[in-house]
């Protein structure tokens, strides 16, 4: 499928330079970038849907079951 889009010259120049630097075509770079952004939007939507089904009260109940202990030495900040 082909898509035609108008983008600012400055953005095109950045895309062109990045594609050259990464030794890939502009088409490949745009496909990768678009795929990454669509994935991020879909992940955001998925998390929001999960959050709507969640319950803060149930979360607090589960946390109350966790023992209050110091973390292992390797887990400390």
PDB file of N, CA and C in Angstrom:
ATOM      1  N   UNK A   1       0.841  -1.178   0.000  1.00  0.00           N
ATOM      2  CA  UNK A   1       0.000   0.000   0.000  1.00  0.00           C
ATOM      3  C   UNK A   1       0.886   1.240   0.000  1.00  0.00           C
ATOM      4  N   UNK A   2       0.493   2.221  -0.714  1.00  0.00           N
ATOM      5  CA  UNK A   2       1.233   3.480  -0.770  1.00  0.00           C
ATOM      6  C   UNK A   2       0.454   4.560  -0.046  1.00  0.00           C
ATOM      7  N   UNK A   3       1.192   5.413   0.642  1.00  0.00           N
ATOM      8  CA  UNK A   3       0.612   6.563   1.333  1.00  0.00           C
ATOM      9  C   UNK A   3       1.390   7.796   0.892  1.00  0.00           C
ATOM     10  N   UNK A   4       0.674   8.833   0.567  1.00  0.00           N
ATOM     11  CA  UNK A   4       1.303  10.104   0.239  1.00  0.00           C
ATOM     12  C   UNK A   4       0.991  11.073   1.370  1.00  0.00           C
ATOM     13  N   UNK A   5       2.027  11.688   1.895  1.00  0.00           N
ATOM     14  CA  UNK A   5       1.830  12.625   3.002  1.00  0.00           C
ATOM     15  C   UNK A   5       2.713  13.842   2.798  1.00  0.00           C
ATOM     16  N   UNK A   6       2.192  14.988   3.157  1.00  0.00           N
ATOM     17  CA  UNK A   6       2.976  16.215   3.104  1.00  0.00           C
ATOM     18  C   UNK A   6       3.566  16.438   4.494  1.00  0.00           C
ATOM     19  N   UNK A   7       4.877  16.613   4.531  1.00  0.00           N
ATOM     20  CA  UNK A   7       5.544  16.882   5.805  1.00  0.00           C
ATOM     21  C   UNK A   7       6.444  18.097   5.626  1.00  0.00           C
ATOM     22  N   UNK A   8       6.733  18.783   6.705  1.00  0.00           N
ATOM     23  CA  UNK A   8       7.607  19.955   6.608  1.00  0.00           C
ATOM     24  C   UNK A   8       8.994  19.572   6.080  1.00  0.00           C
ATOM     25  N   UNK A   9       9.591  20.484   5.349  1.00  0.00           N
ATOM     26  CA  UNK A   9      10.923  20.245   4.782  1.00  0.00           C
ATOM     27  C   UNK A   9      11.935  19.880   5.864  1.00  0.00           C
ATOM     28  N   UNK A  10      11.873  20.559   6.989  1.00  0.00           N
ATOM     29  CA  UNK A  10      12.833  20.296   8.068  1.00  0.00           C
ATOM     30  C   UNK A  10      12.712  18.858   8.569  1.00  0.00           C
ATOM     31  N   UNK A  11      11.498  18.358   8.692  1.00  0.00           N
ATOM     32  CA  UNK A  11      11.303  16.978   9.131  1.00  0.00           C
ATOM     33  C   UNK A  11      11.822  16.010   8.082  1.00  0.00           C
ATOM     34  N   UNK A  12      11.542  16.292   6.822  1.00  0.00           N
ATOM     35  CA  UNK A  12      12.039  15.428   5.751  1.00  0.00           C
ATOM     36  C   UNK A  12      13.565  15.367   5.766  1.00  0.00           C
ATOM     37  N   UNK A  13      14.195  16.497   5.974  1.00  0.00           N
ATOM     38  CA  UNK A  13      15.658  16.520   6.020  1.00  0.00           C
ATOM     39  C   UNK A  13      16.191  15.675   7.176  1.00  0.00           C
ATOM     40  N   UNK A  14      15.503  15.732   8.315  1.00  0.00           N
ATOM     41  CA  UNK A  14      15.908  14.902   9.461  1.00  0.00           C
ATOM     42  C   UNK A  14      15.737  13.420   9.138  1.00  0.00           C
ATOM     43  N   UNK A  15      14.612  13.078   8.527  1.00  0.00           N
ATOM     44  CA  UNK A  15      14.343  11.686   8.153  1.00  0.00           C
ATOM     45  C   UNK A  15      15.386  11.208   7.147  1.00  0.00           C
ATOM     46  N   UNK A  16      15.665  12.026   6.176  1.00  0.00           N
ATOM     47  CA  UNK A  16      16.642  11.675   5.147  1.00  0.00           C
ATOM     48  C   UNK A  16      18.019  11.441   5.768  1.00  0.00           C
ATOM     49  N   UNK A  17      18.432  12.333   6.651  1.00  0.00           N
ATOM     50  CA  UNK A  17      19.751  12.207   7.292  1.00  0.00           C
ATOM     51  C   UNK A  17      19.807  10.961   8.176  1.00  0.00           C
ATOM     52  N   UNK A  18      18.744  10.706   8.923  1.00  0.00           N
ATOM     53  CA  UNK A  18      18.717   9.544   9.806  1.00  0.00           C
ATOM     54  C   UNK A  18      18.732   8.245   9.009  1.00  0.00           C
ATOM     55  N   UNK A  19      17.973   8.197   7.938  1.00  0.00           N
ATOM     56  CA  UNK A  19      17.957   7.007   7.082  1.00  0.00           C
ATOM     57  C   UNK A  19      19.347   6.746   6.502  1.00  0.00           C
ATOM     58  N   UNK A  20      19.997   7.806   6.076  1.00  0.00           N
ATOM     59  CA  UNK A  20      21.350   7.662   5.526  1.00  0.00           C
ATOM     60  C   UNK A  20      22.304   7.167   6.606  1.00  0.00           C
ATOM     61  N   UNK A  21      22.216   7.753   7.790  1.00  0.00           N
ATOM     62  CA  UNK A  21      23.083   7.359   8.902  1.00  0.00           C
ATOM     63  C   UNK A  21      22.879   5.894   9.281  1.00  0.00           C
ATOM     64  N   UNK A  22      21.620   5.432   9.258  1.00  0.00           N
ATOM     65  CA  UNK A  22      21.293   4.057   9.631  1.00  0.00           C
ATOM     66  C   UNK A  22      21.422   3.088   8.465  1.00  0.00           C
ATOM     67  N   UNK A  23      21.761   3.623   7.304  1.00  0.00           N
ATOM     68  CA  UNK A  23      21.946   2.826   6.086  1.00  0.00           C
ATOM     69  C   UNK A  23      20.680   2.048   5.726  1.00  0.00           C
ATOM     70  N   UNK A  24      19.538   2.742   5.812  1.00  0.00           N
ATOM     71  CA  UNK A  24      18.253   2.170   5.405  1.00  0.00           C
ATOM     72  C   UNK A  24      17.546   3.179   4.512  1.00  0.00           C
ATOM     73  N   UNK A  25      16.535   2.712   3.809  1.00  0.00           N
ATOM     74  CA  UNK A  25      15.793   3.625   2.944  1.00  0.00           C
ATOM     75  C   UNK A  25      14.874   4.507   3.784  1.00  0.00           C
ATOM     76  N   UNK A  26      14.479   5.620   3.201  1.00  0.00           N
ATOM     77  CA  UNK A  26      13.521   6.504   3.865  1.00  0.00           C
ATOM     78  C   UNK A  26      12.223   5.740   4.110  1.00  0.00           C
ATOM     79  N   UNK A  27      11.817   4.928   3.152  1.00  0.00           N
ATOM     80  CA  UNK A  27      10.595   4.131   3.314  1.00  0.00           C
ATOM     81  C   UNK A  27      10.701   3.202   4.527  1.00  0.00           C
ATOM     82  N   UNK A  28      11.853   2.550   4.692  1.00  0.00           N
ATOM     83  CA  UNK A  28      12.039   1.672   5.847  1.00  0.00           C
ATOM     84  C   UNK A  28      11.980   2.463   7.149  1.00  0.00           C
ATOM     85  N   UNK A  29      12.637   3.604   7.167  1.00  0.00           N
ATOM     86  CA  UNK A  29      12.655   4.422   8.375  1.00  0.00           C
ATOM     87  C   UNK A  29      11.251   4.883   8.752  1.00  0.00           C
ATOM     88  N   UNK A  30      10.493   5.351   7.766  1.00  0.00           N
ATOM     89  CA  UNK A  30       9.133   5.820   8.024  1.00  0.00           C
ATOM     90  C   UNK A  30       8.261   4.656   8.502  1.00  0.00           C
ATOM     91  N   UNK A  31       8.430   3.482   7.914  1.00  0.00           N
ATOM     92  CA  UNK A  31       7.665   2.310   8.332  1.00  0.00           C
ATOM     93  C   UNK A  31       7.988   1.942   9.777  1.00  0.00           C
ATOM     94  N   UNK A  32       9.268   1.949  10.125  1.00  0.00           N
ATOM     95  CA  UNK A  32       9.678   1.636  11.502  1.00  0.00           C
ATOM     96  C   UNK A  32       9.114   2.673  12.477  1.00  0.00           C
ATOM     97  N   UNK A  33       9.244   3.935  12.134  1.00  0.00           N
ATOM     98  CA  UNK A  33       8.772   4.999  13.019  1.00  0.00           C
ATOM     99  C   UNK A  33       7.257   4.952  13.198  1.00  0.00           C
ATOM    100  N   UNK A  34       6.542   4.738  12.106  1.00  0.00           N
ATOM    101  CA  UNK A  34       5.084   4.660  12.176  1.00  0.00           C
ATOM    102  C   UNK A  34       4.650   3.444  12.987  1.00  0.00           C
ATOM    103  N   UNK A  35       5.313   2.333  12.782  1.00  0.00           N
ATOM    104  CA  UNK A  35       5.002   1.116  13.526  1.00  0.00           C
ATOM    105  C   UNK A  35       5.216   1.322  15.022  1.00  0.00           C
ATOM    106  N   UNK A  36       6.321   1.949  15.381  1.00  0.00           N
ATOM    107  CA  UNK A  36       6.614   2.197  16.792  1.00  0.00           C
ATOM    108  C   UNK A  36       5.568   3.107  17.422  1.00  0.00           C
ATOM    109  N   UNK A  37       5.165   4.143  16.704  1.00  0.00           N
ATOM    110  CA  UNK A  37       4.180   5.078  17.257  1.00  0.00           C
ATOM    111  C   UNK A  37       2.814   4.428  17.391  1.00  0.00           C
ATOM    112  N   UNK A  38       2.392   3.669  16.380  1.00  0.00           N
ATOM    113  CA  UNK A  38       1.099   2.981  16.444  1.00  0.00           C
ATOM    114  C   UNK A  38       1.103   1.998  17.617  1.00  0.00           C
ATOM    115  N   UNK A  39       2.200   1.287  17.783  1.00  0.00           N
ATOM    116  CA  UNK A  39       2.331   0.345  18.894  1.00  0.00           C
ATOM    117  C   UNK A  39       2.215   1.072  20.232  1.00  0.00           C
ATOM    118  N   UNK A  40       2.848   2.223  20.360  1.00  0.00           N
ATOM    119  CA  UNK A  40       2.774   2.997  21.603  1.00  0.00           C
ATOM    120  C   UNK A  40       1.341   3.442  21.882  1.00  0.00           C
ATOM    121  N   UNK A  41       0.638   3.909  20.855  1.00  0.00           N
ATOM    122  CA  UNK A  41      -0.755   4.328  21.041  1.00  0.00           C
ATOM    123  C   UNK A  41      -1.634   3.151  21.447  1.00  0.00           C
ATOM    124  N   UNK A  42      -1.407   1.991  20.811  1.00  0.00           N
ATOM    125  CA  UNK A  42      -2.218   0.824  21.130  1.00  0.00           C
ATOM    126  C   UNK A  42      -1.932   0.337  22.550  1.00  0.00           C
ATOM    127  N   UNK A  43      -0.679   0.404  22.961  1.00  0.00           N
ATOM    128  CA  UNK A  43      -0.315   0.015  24.323  1.00  0.00           C
ATOM    129  C   UNK A  43      -0.975   0.947  25.328  1.00  0.00           C
ATOM    130  N   UNK A  44      -0.962   2.233  25.037  1.00  0.00           N
ATOM    131  CA  UNK A  44      -1.608   3.215  25.917  1.00  0.00           C
ATOM    132  C   UNK A  44      -3.094   2.905  26.047  1.00  0.00           C
ATOM    133  N   UNK A  45      -3.742   2.625  24.915  1.00  0.00           N
ATOM    134  CA  UNK A  45      -5.168   2.292  24.941  1.00  0.00           C
ATOM    135  C   UNK A  45      -5.416   1.028  25.755  1.00  0.00           C
ATOM    136  N   UNK A  46      -4.553   0.014  25.590  1.00  0.00           N
ATOM    137  CA  UNK A  46      -4.694  -1.243  26.314  1.00  0.00           C
ATOM    138  C   UNK A  46      -4.566  -1.022  27.818  1.00  0.00           C
ATOM    139  N   UNK A  47      -3.582  -0.232  28.217  1.00  0.00           N
ATOM    140  CA  UNK A  47      -3.374   0.038  29.641  1.00  0.00           C
ATOM    141  C   UNK A  47      -4.550   0.823  30.210  1.00  0.00           C
ATOM    142  N   UNK A  48      -5.049   1.785  29.453  1.00  0.00           N
ATOM    143  CA  UNK A  48      -6.203   2.556  29.926  1.00  0.00           C
ATOM    144  C   UNK A  48      -7.430   1.664  30.091  1.00  0.00           C
ATOM    145  N   UNK A  49      -7.642   0.737  29.150  1.00  0.00           N
ATOM    146  CA  UNK A  49      -8.771  -0.190  29.265  1.00  0.00           C
ATOM    147  C   UNK A  49      -8.626  -1.073  30.492  1.00  0.00           C
ATOM    148  N   UNK A  50      -7.418  -1.577  30.745  1.00  0.00           N
ATOM    149  CA  UNK A  50      -7.162  -2.403  31.927  1.00  0.00           C
ATOM    150  C   UNK A  50      -7.392  -1.590  33.202  1.00  0.00           C
ATOM    151  N   UNK A  51      -6.952  -0.344  33.196  1.00  0.00           N
ATOM    152  CA  UNK A  51      -7.100   0.505  34.376  1.00  0.00           C
ATOM    153  C   UNK A  51      -8.572   0.760  34.687  1.00  0.00           C
ATOM    154  N   UNK A  52      -9.394   0.899  33.652  1.00  0.00           N
ATOM    155  CA  UNK A  52     -10.823   1.128  33.875  1.00  0.00           C
ATOM    156  C   UNK A  52     -11.485  -0.066  34.557  1.00  0.00           C
ATOM    157  N   UNK A  53     -10.967  -1.269  34.291  1.00  0.00           N
ATOM    158  CA  UNK A  53     -11.536  -2.469  34.899  1.00  0.00           C
ATOM    159  C   UNK A  53     -10.965  -2.724  36.283  1.00  0.00           C
ATOM    160  N   UNK A  54      -9.883  -2.035  36.623  1.00  0.00           N
ATOM    161  CA  UNK A  54      -9.219  -2.251  37.903  1.00  0.00           C
ATOM    162  C   UNK A  54      -9.973  -1.601  39.052  1.00  0.00           C
ATOM    163  N   UNK A  55      -9.577  -1.973  40.245  1.00  0.00           N
ATOM    164  CA  UNK A  55     -10.198  -1.432  41.450  1.00  0.00           C
ATOM    165  C   UNK A  55      -9.101  -1.017  42.423  1.00  0.00           C
ATOM    166  N   UNK A  56      -9.112   0.244  42.796  1.00  0.00           N
ATOM    167  CA  UNK A  56      -8.133   0.750  43.752  1.00  0.00           C
ATOM    168  C   UNK A  56      -8.303   0.039  45.094  1.00  0.00           C
ATOM    169  N   UNK A  57      -9.534  -0.204  45.505  1.00  0.00           N
ATOM    170  CA  UNK A  57      -9.783  -0.886  46.788  1.00  0.00           C
ATOM    171  C   UNK A  57      -9.210  -2.302  46.773  1.00  0.00           C
ATOM    172  N   UNK A  58      -9.409  -3.036  45.685  1.00  0.00           N
ATOM    173  CA  UNK A  58      -8.854  -4.395  45.593  1.00  0.00           C
ATOM    174  C   UNK A  58      -7.325  -4.355  45.601  1.00  0.00           C
ATOM    175  N   UNK A  59      -6.760  -3.370  44.933  1.00  0.00           N
ATOM    176  CA  UNK A  59      -5.311  -3.210  44.916  1.00  0.00           C
ATOM    177  C   UNK A  59      -4.790  -2.989  46.333  1.00  0.00           C
ATOM    178  N   UNK A  60      -5.462  -2.126  47.081  1.00  0.00           N
ATOM    179  CA  UNK A  60      -5.051  -1.857  48.460  1.00  0.00           C
ATOM    180  C   UNK A  60      -5.172  -3.115  49.325  1.00  0.00           C
ATOM    181  N   UNK A  61      -6.211  -3.910  49.109  1.00  0.00           N
ATOM    182  CA  UNK A  61      -6.389  -5.156  49.862  1.00  0.00           C
ATOM    183  C   UNK A  61      -5.228  -6.116  49.596  1.00  0.00           C
ATOM    184  N   UNK A  62      -4.817  -6.212  48.359  1.00  0.00           N
ATOM    185  CA  UNK A  62      -3.688  -7.085  48.018  1.00  0.00           C
ATOM    186  C   UNK A  62      -2.410  -6.573  48.653  1.00  0.00           C
ATOM    187  N   UNK A  63      -2.187  -5.266  48.623  1.00  0.00           N
ATOM    188  CA  UNK A  63      -0.980  -4.704  49.227  1.00  0.00           C
ATOM    189  C   UNK A  63      -0.922  -4.969  50.729  1.00  0.00           C
ATOM    190  N   UNK A  64      -2.051  -5.001  51.376  1.00  0.00           N
ATOM    191  CA  UNK A  64      -2.076  -5.260  52.819  1.00  0.00           C
ATOM    192  C   UNK A  64      -1.574  -6.661  53.147  1.00  0.00           C
ATOM    193  N   UNK A  65      -1.633  -7.568  52.193  1.00  0.00           N
ATOM    194  CA  UNK A  65      -1.175  -8.941  52.408  1.00  0.00           C
ATOM    195  C   UNK A  65       0.346  -9.074  52.310  1.00  0.00           C
ATOM    196  N   UNK A  66       1.003  -8.048  51.775  1.00  0.00           N
ATOM    197  CA  UNK A  66       2.453  -8.090  51.589  1.00  0.00           C
ATOM    198  C   UNK A  66       3.123  -7.750  52.909  1.00  0.00           C
ATOM    199  N   UNK A  67       4.065  -8.599  53.309  1.00  0.00           N
ATOM    200  CA  UNK A  67       4.789  -8.376  54.564  1.00  0.00           C
ATOM    201  C   UNK A  67       5.690  -7.153  54.435  1.00  0.00           C
ATOM    202  N   UNK A  68       5.772  -6.383  55.489  1.00  0.00           N
ATOM    203  CA  UNK A  68       6.596  -5.177  55.516  1.00  0.00           C
ATOM    204  C   UNK A  68       8.000  -5.574  55.970  1.00  0.00           C
ATOM    205  N   UNK A  69       8.864  -5.870  55.008  1.00  0.00           N
ATOM    206  CA  UNK A  69      10.237  -6.279  55.302  1.00  0.00           C
ATOM    207  C   UNK A  69      11.193  -5.432  54.482  1.00  0.00           C
ATOM    208  N   UNK A  70      12.411  -5.354  54.963  1.00  0.00           N
ATOM    209  CA  UNK A  70      13.445  -4.629  54.242  1.00  0.00           C
ATOM    210  C   UNK A  70      13.808  -5.400  52.977  1.00  0.00           C
ATOM    211  N   UNK A  71      14.148  -4.710  51.898  1.00  0.00           N
ATOM    212  CA  UNK A  71      14.537  -5.412  50.673  1.00  0.00           C
ATOM    213  C   UNK A  71      15.905  -6.074  50.843  1.00  0.00           C
ATOM    214  N   UNK A  72      16.153  -7.063  49.997  1.00  0.00           N
ATOM    215  CA  UNK A  72      17.453  -7.718  49.984  1.00  0.00           C
ATOM    216  C   UNK A  72      18.509  -6.671  49.622  1.00  0.00           C
ATOM    217  N   UNK A  73      19.745  -6.857  50.043  1.00  0.00           N
ATOM    218  CA  UNK A  73      20.790  -5.866  49.761  1.00  0.00           C
ATOM    219  C   UNK A  73      20.921  -5.529  48.266  1.00  0.00           C
ATOM    220  N   UNK A  74      20.766  -6.535  47.388  1.00  0.00           N
ATOM    221  CA  UNK A  74      20.892  -6.278  45.948  1.00  0.00           C
ATOM    222  C   UNK A  74      19.704  -5.513  45.378  1.00  0.00           C
ATOM    223  N   UNK A  75      18.603  -5.447  46.115  1.00  0.00           N
ATOM    224  CA  UNK A  75      17.406  -4.759  45.631  1.00  0.00           C
ATOM    225  C   UNK A  75      17.288  -3.340  46.149  1.00  0.00           C
ATOM    226  N   UNK A  76      18.215  -2.913  46.957  1.00  0.00           N
ATOM    227  CA  UNK A  76      18.139  -1.558  47.532  1.00  0.00           C
ATOM    228  C   UNK A  76      18.653  -0.523  46.542  1.00  0.00           C
ATOM    229  N   UNK A  77      18.078   0.655  46.647  1.00  0.00           N
ATOM    230  CA  UNK A  77      18.522   1.746  45.772  1.00  0.00           C
ATOM    231  C   UNK A  77      19.754   2.410  46.336  1.00  0.00           C
TER     232      UNK A  77
END
